[in-house]
C-alpha atoms as a PDB file:
ATOM      1  CA  UNK A   1     110.207  91.175  74.184  1.00  0.00           C
ATOM      2  CA  UNK A   2     109.366  94.558  73.629  1.00  0.00           C
ATOM      3  CA  UNK A   3     105.513  93.813  73.155  1.00  0.00           C
ATOM      4  CA  UNK A   4     105.380  91.758  76.145  1.00  0.00           C
ATOM      5  CA  UNK A   5     106.618  94.806  78.384  1.00  0.00           C
ATOM      6  CA  UNK A   6     104.263  96.801  76.807  1.00  0.00           C
ATOM      7  CA  UNK A   7     101.372  94.338  77.566  1.00  0.00           C
ATOM      8  CA  UNK A   8     102.639  94.162  81.181  1.00  0.00           C
ATOM      9  CA  UNK A   9     102.580  98.081  81.545  1.00  0.00           C
ATOM     10  CA  UNK A  10      99.637  98.180  80.234  1.00  0.00           C
ATOM     11  CA  UNK A  11      97.648  95.727  82.416  1.00  0.00           C
ATOM     12  CA  UNK A  12      99.111  97.159  85.115  1.00  0.00           C
ATOM     13  CA  UNK A  13      97.837 100.790  84.365  1.00  0.00           C
ATOM     14  CA  UNK A  14      94.526  99.349  83.724  1.00  0.00           C
ATOM     15  CA  UNK A  15      94.217  97.627  86.992  1.00  0.00           C
ATOM     16  CA  UNK A  16      95.442 101.116  88.708  1.00  0.00           C
ATOM     17  CA  UNK A  17      92.703 102.653  87.056  1.00  0.00           C
ATOM     18  CA  UNK A  18      90.228  99.837  87.794  1.00  0.00           C
ATOM     19  CA  UNK A  19      91.121  99.959  91.477  1.00  0.00           C
ATOM     20  CA  UNK A  20      90.930 103.696  91.648  1.00  0.00           C
ATOM     21  CA  UNK A  21      87.401 103.687  89.974  1.00  0.00           C
ATOM     22  CA  UNK A  22      86.339 100.971  92.245  1.00  0.00           C
ATOM     23  CA  UNK A  23      87.363 102.971  95.350  1.00  0.00           C
ATOM     24  CA  UNK A  24      85.716 105.972  94.082  1.00  0.00           C
ATOM     25  CA  UNK A  25      82.419 104.018  93.538  1.00  0.00           C
ATOM     26  CA  UNK A  26      83.002 103.141  97.176  1.00  0.00           C
ATOM     27  CA  UNK A  27      82.810 105.958  98.226  1.00  0.00           C
ATOM     28  CA  UNK A  28      79.582 107.695  96.411  1.00  0.00           C
ATOM     29  CA  UNK A  29      77.725 104.582  97.340  1.00  0.00           C
ATOM     30  CA  UNK A  30      78.896 105.601 101.222  1.00  0.00           C
ATOM     31  CA  UNK A  31      77.588 109.177 101.078  1.00  0.00           C
ATOM     32  CA  UNK A  32      74.222 107.902  99.106  1.00  0.00           C
ATOM     33  CA  UNK A  33      73.314 104.819 101.272  1.00  0.00           C
ATOM     34  CA  UNK A  34      70.837 106.210 104.014  1.00  0.00           C
ATOM     35  CA  UNK A  35      71.215 104.859 107.643  1.00  0.00           C
ATOM     36  CA  UNK A  36      74.019 103.351 109.143  1.00  0.00           C
ATOM     37  CA  UNK A  37      76.360 101.250 107.855  1.00  0.00           C
ATOM     38  CA  UNK A  38      76.451  97.948 109.317  1.00  0.00           C
ATOM     39  CA  UNK A  39      79.665  96.352 107.770  1.00  0.00           C
ATOM     40  CA  UNK A  40      82.623  98.249 106.733  1.00  0.00           C
ATOM     41  CA  UNK A  41      83.169  98.759 102.732  1.00  0.00           C
ATOM     42  CA  UNK A  42      85.651  96.057 101.677  1.00  0.00           C
ATOM     43  CA  UNK A  43      88.794  97.802 100.592  1.00  0.00           C
ATOM     44  CA  UNK A  44      90.592  95.846  97.633  1.00  0.00           C
ATOM     45  CA  UNK A  45      93.793  96.280  98.224  1.00  0.00           C
ATOM     46  CA  UNK A  46      96.246  93.552  97.782  1.00  0.00           C
ATOM     47  CA  UNK A  47     100.010  94.130  98.786  1.00  0.00           C
ATOM     48  CA  UNK A  48     102.788  92.949  97.181  1.00  0.00           C
ATOM     49  CA  UNK A  49     105.907  91.860  99.272  1.00  0.00           C
ATOM     50  CA  UNK A  50     109.394  92.657  98.292  1.00  0.00           C
END
């Protein structure tokens, strides 16, 4: 049971980190891209209900 909890916690942490990384990369790409942006940058945030 404890192992399962630890694994769940770890996966949640990695998800969060990956999300932050994605957002940072998007920001860098935004600043580097020349010319006007035609489409907005997709925000990959899934809201959890409850």
